[in-house]
N, C-alpha and C. Protein backbone atom coordinates (compact mmCIF):
# COMPACT_ATOMS: atom_id res chain seq x y z
N UNK A 1 140.79 48.17 156.42
CA UNK A 1 139.89 48.12 156.57
C UNK A 1 139.30 49.22 157.48
N UNK A 2 140.01 49.68 158.18
CA UNK A 2 139.60 50.77 158.91
C UNK A 2 138.81 52.04 157.70
N UNK A 3 140.06 52.08 157.28
CA UNK A 3 139.71 53.40 156.20
C UNK A 3 138.26 52.66 154.74
N UNK A 4 138.27 51.87 154.78
CA UNK A 4 136.89 51.22 153.99
C UNK A 4 135.98 51.52 155.16
N UNK A 5 135.89 51.94 156.53
CA UNK A 5 134.26 51.85 157.08
C UNK A 5 134.17 52.89 157.43
N UNK A 6 135.05 53.73 157.41
CA UNK A 6 135.11 55.40 157.74
C UNK A 6 134.30 55.38 156.31
N UNK A 7 135.09 55.01 155.52
CA UNK A 7 134.57 55.76 154.08
C UNK A 7 132.93 55.17 154.10
N UNK A 8 132.28 54.07 154.04
CA UNK A 8 130.75 53.49 154.41
C UNK A 8 130.35 54.31 154.82
N UNK A 9 130.83 54.73 155.88
CA UNK A 9 130.22 55.52 157.53
C UNK A 9 129.83 57.46 156.64
N UNK A 10 130.63 57.30 155.80
CA UNK A 10 130.66 58.89 155.41
C UNK A 10 129.75 59.11 154.17
N UNK A 11 129.33 57.64 153.66
CA UNK A 11 129.01 57.93 152.33
C UNK A 11 127.23 57.33 152.69
N UNK A 12 127.01 56.62 154.11
CA UNK A 12 125.80 56.92 154.62
C UNK A 12 125.34 58.10 155.41
N UNK A 13 126.08 58.55 155.93
CA UNK A 13 125.94 59.63 156.54
C UNK A 13 125.61 61.32 155.34
N UNK A 14 125.99 60.56 154.46
CA UNK A 14 125.91 61.73 153.00
C UNK A 14 124.75 61.46 152.43
N UNK A 15 124.02 60.30 152.42
CA UNK A 15 122.95 59.71 151.76
C UNK A 15 121.78 60.10 152.53
N UNK A 16 121.94 59.76 153.69
CA UNK A 16 121.00 60.10 155.05
C UNK A 16 121.05 61.86 154.69
N UNK A 17 121.85 62.38 154.85
CA UNK A 17 121.54 63.82 154.79
C UNK A 17 120.98 64.49 153.51
N UNK A 18 121.02 63.85 152.04
CA UNK A 18 120.71 64.40 151.20
C UNK A 18 118.97 63.97 151.04
N UNK A 19 118.77 63.16 151.82
CA UNK A 19 117.16 62.59 151.93
C UNK A 19 116.75 63.91 152.82
N UNK A 20 117.10 64.06 153.68
CA UNK A 20 116.63 64.74 154.55
C UNK A 20 116.24 66.22 153.47
N UNK A 21 117.40 66.40 153.34
CA UNK A 21 117.61 67.54 152.25
C UNK A 21 116.48 67.75 151.54
N UNK A 22 116.10 66.57 151.04
CA UNK A 22 115.49 67.10 149.95
C UNK A 22 113.60 66.58 150.98
N UNK A 23 113.83 65.98 152.07
CA UNK A 23 112.44 65.88 152.46
C UNK A 23 111.93 67.37 152.88
N UNK A 24 112.86 67.42 152.76
CA UNK A 24 113.03 69.40 153.81
C UNK A 24 112.15 70.00 152.63
N UNK A 25 113.06 70.18 151.39
CA UNK A 25 112.60 70.46 150.17
C UNK A 25 111.25 70.67 149.34
N UNK A 26 111.04 69.21 149.59
CA UNK A 26 109.72 69.00 149.22
C UNK A 26 108.70 69.47 150.28
N UNK A 27 108.71 69.73 151.71
CA UNK A 27 107.55 70.31 152.57
C UNK A 27 107.80 71.34 152.15
N UNK A 28 109.30 71.91 152.09
CA UNK A 28 109.15 73.83 151.57
C UNK A 28 108.18 73.72 150.23
N UNK A 29 108.20 73.02 149.54
CA UNK A 29 107.51 73.51 148.22
C UNK A 29 106.33 72.96 148.58
N UNK A 30 105.78 72.23 149.46
CA UNK A 30 103.87 72.18 149.70
C UNK A 30 104.00 73.40 150.61
N UNK A 31 104.77 73.47 151.42
CA UNK A 31 104.23 74.93 152.63
C UNK A 31 104.20 76.28 151.52
N UNK A 32 104.92 76.33 150.30
CA UNK A 32 105.45 77.62 149.69
C UNK A 32 103.58 77.44 148.60
N UNK A 33 103.46 76.33 147.92
CA UNK A 33 102.17 76.22 147.31
C UNK A 33 100.32 76.22 148.36
N UNK A 34 101.00 75.79 149.55
CA UNK A 34 99.57 75.93 150.31
C UNK A 34 99.69 77.95 150.46
N UNK A 35 100.71 78.43 150.80
CA UNK A 35 100.70 79.92 151.22
C UNK A 35 100.28 80.74 149.83
N UNK A 36 100.75 79.88 148.99
CA UNK A 36 100.26 81.25 147.47
C UNK A 36 98.77 80.21 146.99
N UNK A 37 98.20 79.71 147.39
CA UNK A 37 96.93 79.14 147.38
C UNK A 37 95.73 80.40 148.07
N UNK A 38 96.81 80.35 149.68
CA UNK A 38 95.85 81.07 150.10
C UNK A 38 96.02 82.55 149.98
N UNK A 39 96.92 83.02 149.52
CA UNK A 39 97.15 84.39 149.28
C UNK A 39 95.87 84.77 148.08
N UNK A 40 96.02 83.65 147.07
CA UNK A 40 95.10 83.88 146.50
C UNK A 40 93.63 83.49 146.48
N UNK A 41 93.35 82.69 147.44
CA UNK A 41 91.94 83.13 147.59
C UNK A 41 91.67 84.02 148.65
N UNK A 42 92.16 84.76 149.47
CA UNK A 42 92.29 85.50 150.25
C UNK A 42 91.79 86.80 149.13
N UNK A 43 92.89 86.96 147.92
CA UNK A 43 92.58 88.03 146.68
C UNK A 43 91.41 88.13 146.47
N UNK A 44 90.70 86.90 146.25
CA UNK A 44 89.24 87.10 145.32
C UNK A 44 88.37 87.35 146.46
N UNK A 45 88.25 86.83 147.75
CA UNK A 45 87.41 86.90 148.06
C UNK A 45 87.22 88.96 148.82
N UNK A 46 88.82 89.38 148.84
CA UNK A 46 88.80 91.27 148.65
C UNK A 46 88.16 91.71 147.82
N UNK A 47 88.17 91.15 146.75
CA UNK A 47 88.07 91.46 145.72
C UNK A 47 86.19 91.08 144.80
N UNK A 48 86.07 90.68 145.86
CA UNK A 48 84.33 90.21 145.65
C UNK A 48 83.63 90.91 146.69
N UNK A 49 84.56 91.58 147.48
CA UNK A 49 83.81 91.78 148.90
C UNK A 49 84.29 93.35 148.42
N UNK A 50 84.86 93.96 147.49
CA UNK A 50 85.22 95.04 146.80
C UNK A 50 83.76 95.63 145.81
N UNK A 51 83.23 94.35 145.06
CA UNK A 51 82.54 94.78 143.77
C UNK A 51 81.24 94.79 144.59
N UNK A 52 80.11 95.68 144.62
CA UNK A 52 78.89 95.32 145.06
C UNK A 52 78.09 95.26 143.40
N UNK A 53 77.33 94.40 143.49
CA UNK A 53 76.39 93.94 142.46
C UNK A 53 75.94 95.00 141.88
N UNK A 54 75.39 95.36 140.44
CA UNK A 54 74.72 96.92 140.18
C UNK A 54 73.66 97.09 140.25
N UNK A 55 72.93 98.21 140.75
CA UNK A 55 71.83 98.05 141.62
C UNK A 55 70.71 98.15 140.40
N UNK A 56 69.39 97.50 140.64
CA UNK A 56 68.64 96.86 139.73
C UNK A 56 67.85 98.35 139.26
N UNK A 57 68.16 99.42 139.78
CA UNK A 57 67.25 100.93 139.12
C UNK A 57 68.67 101.90 138.67
N UNK A 58 69.91 100.66 138.08
CA UNK A 58 71.18 102.14 137.84
C UNK A 58 70.83 102.51 136.53
N UNK A 59 70.89 103.55 136.09
CA UNK A 59 71.38 103.73 134.57
C UNK A 59 72.22 104.04 134.18
N UNK A 60 72.17 103.19 132.89
CA UNK A 60 73.76 102.95 131.86
C UNK A 60 73.44 104.13 131.21
N UNK A 61 75.26 104.50 130.92
CA UNK A 61 74.97 105.95 130.09
C UNK A 61 75.01 105.70 128.39
N UNK A 62 75.49 104.28 128.68
CA UNK A 62 75.42 104.19 126.72
C UNK A 62 74.04 104.21 126.14
N UNK A 63 74.11 104.56 124.61
CA UNK A 63 73.16 103.91 124.16
C UNK A 63 72.67 102.40 123.68
N UNK A 64 74.15 102.23 123.01
CA UNK A 64 73.96 101.06 122.91
C UNK A 64 73.58 100.00 124.03
N UNK A 65 73.79 100.52 125.35
CA UNK A 65 73.48 99.34 126.37
C UNK A 65 72.26 99.16 127.04
N UNK A 66 71.49 99.91 126.26
CA UNK A 66 70.04 100.46 126.75
C UNK A 66 69.99 100.75 127.98
N UNK A 67 68.61 100.49 128.57
CA UNK A 67 68.66 101.08 130.12
C UNK A 67 69.00 99.59 131.18
N UNK A 68 69.24 99.82 132.27
CA UNK A 68 69.00 98.84 133.34
C UNK A 68 68.20 98.16 133.71
N UNK A 69 67.11 98.32 133.30
CA UNK A 69 65.73 97.92 134.44
C UNK A 69 64.14 97.58 132.63
N UNK A 70 63.95 96.72 132.64
CA UNK A 70 63.14 96.66 131.71
C UNK A 70 61.44 96.94 132.39
N UNK A 71 61.14 97.93 131.46
CA UNK A 71 60.02 99.01 132.17
C UNK A 71 58.23 97.88 132.24
N UNK A 72 58.77 96.75 131.08
CA UNK A 72 57.46 95.87 130.96
C UNK A 72 57.35 96.02 129.56
N UNK A 73 56.03 95.10 128.85
CA UNK A 73 56.29 94.78 127.91
C UNK A 73 55.42 96.52 127.11
N UNK A 74 56.05 96.74 126.02
CA UNK A 74 55.87 97.57 125.07
C UNK A 74 54.55 97.58 124.30
N UNK A 75 53.50 98.46 124.40
CA UNK A 75 52.28 98.58 124.06
C UNK A 75 51.82 99.41 122.48
């Protein structure tokens, strides 16, 4: 009877430890996902800040692209 009680106690402890480990794993996964999302959002903000929109008076070198601004209707 004493051996059976010890076995039950050990099984209950194992179950509690396993559940605690799974919960800790889920928290770690959630935190990792949040960290990754935050990293990419910051990277996008940095990339957006580094890129300046082209000026309306920028001359385009390629003939295929035409001019950077419209001089108005042709007469």
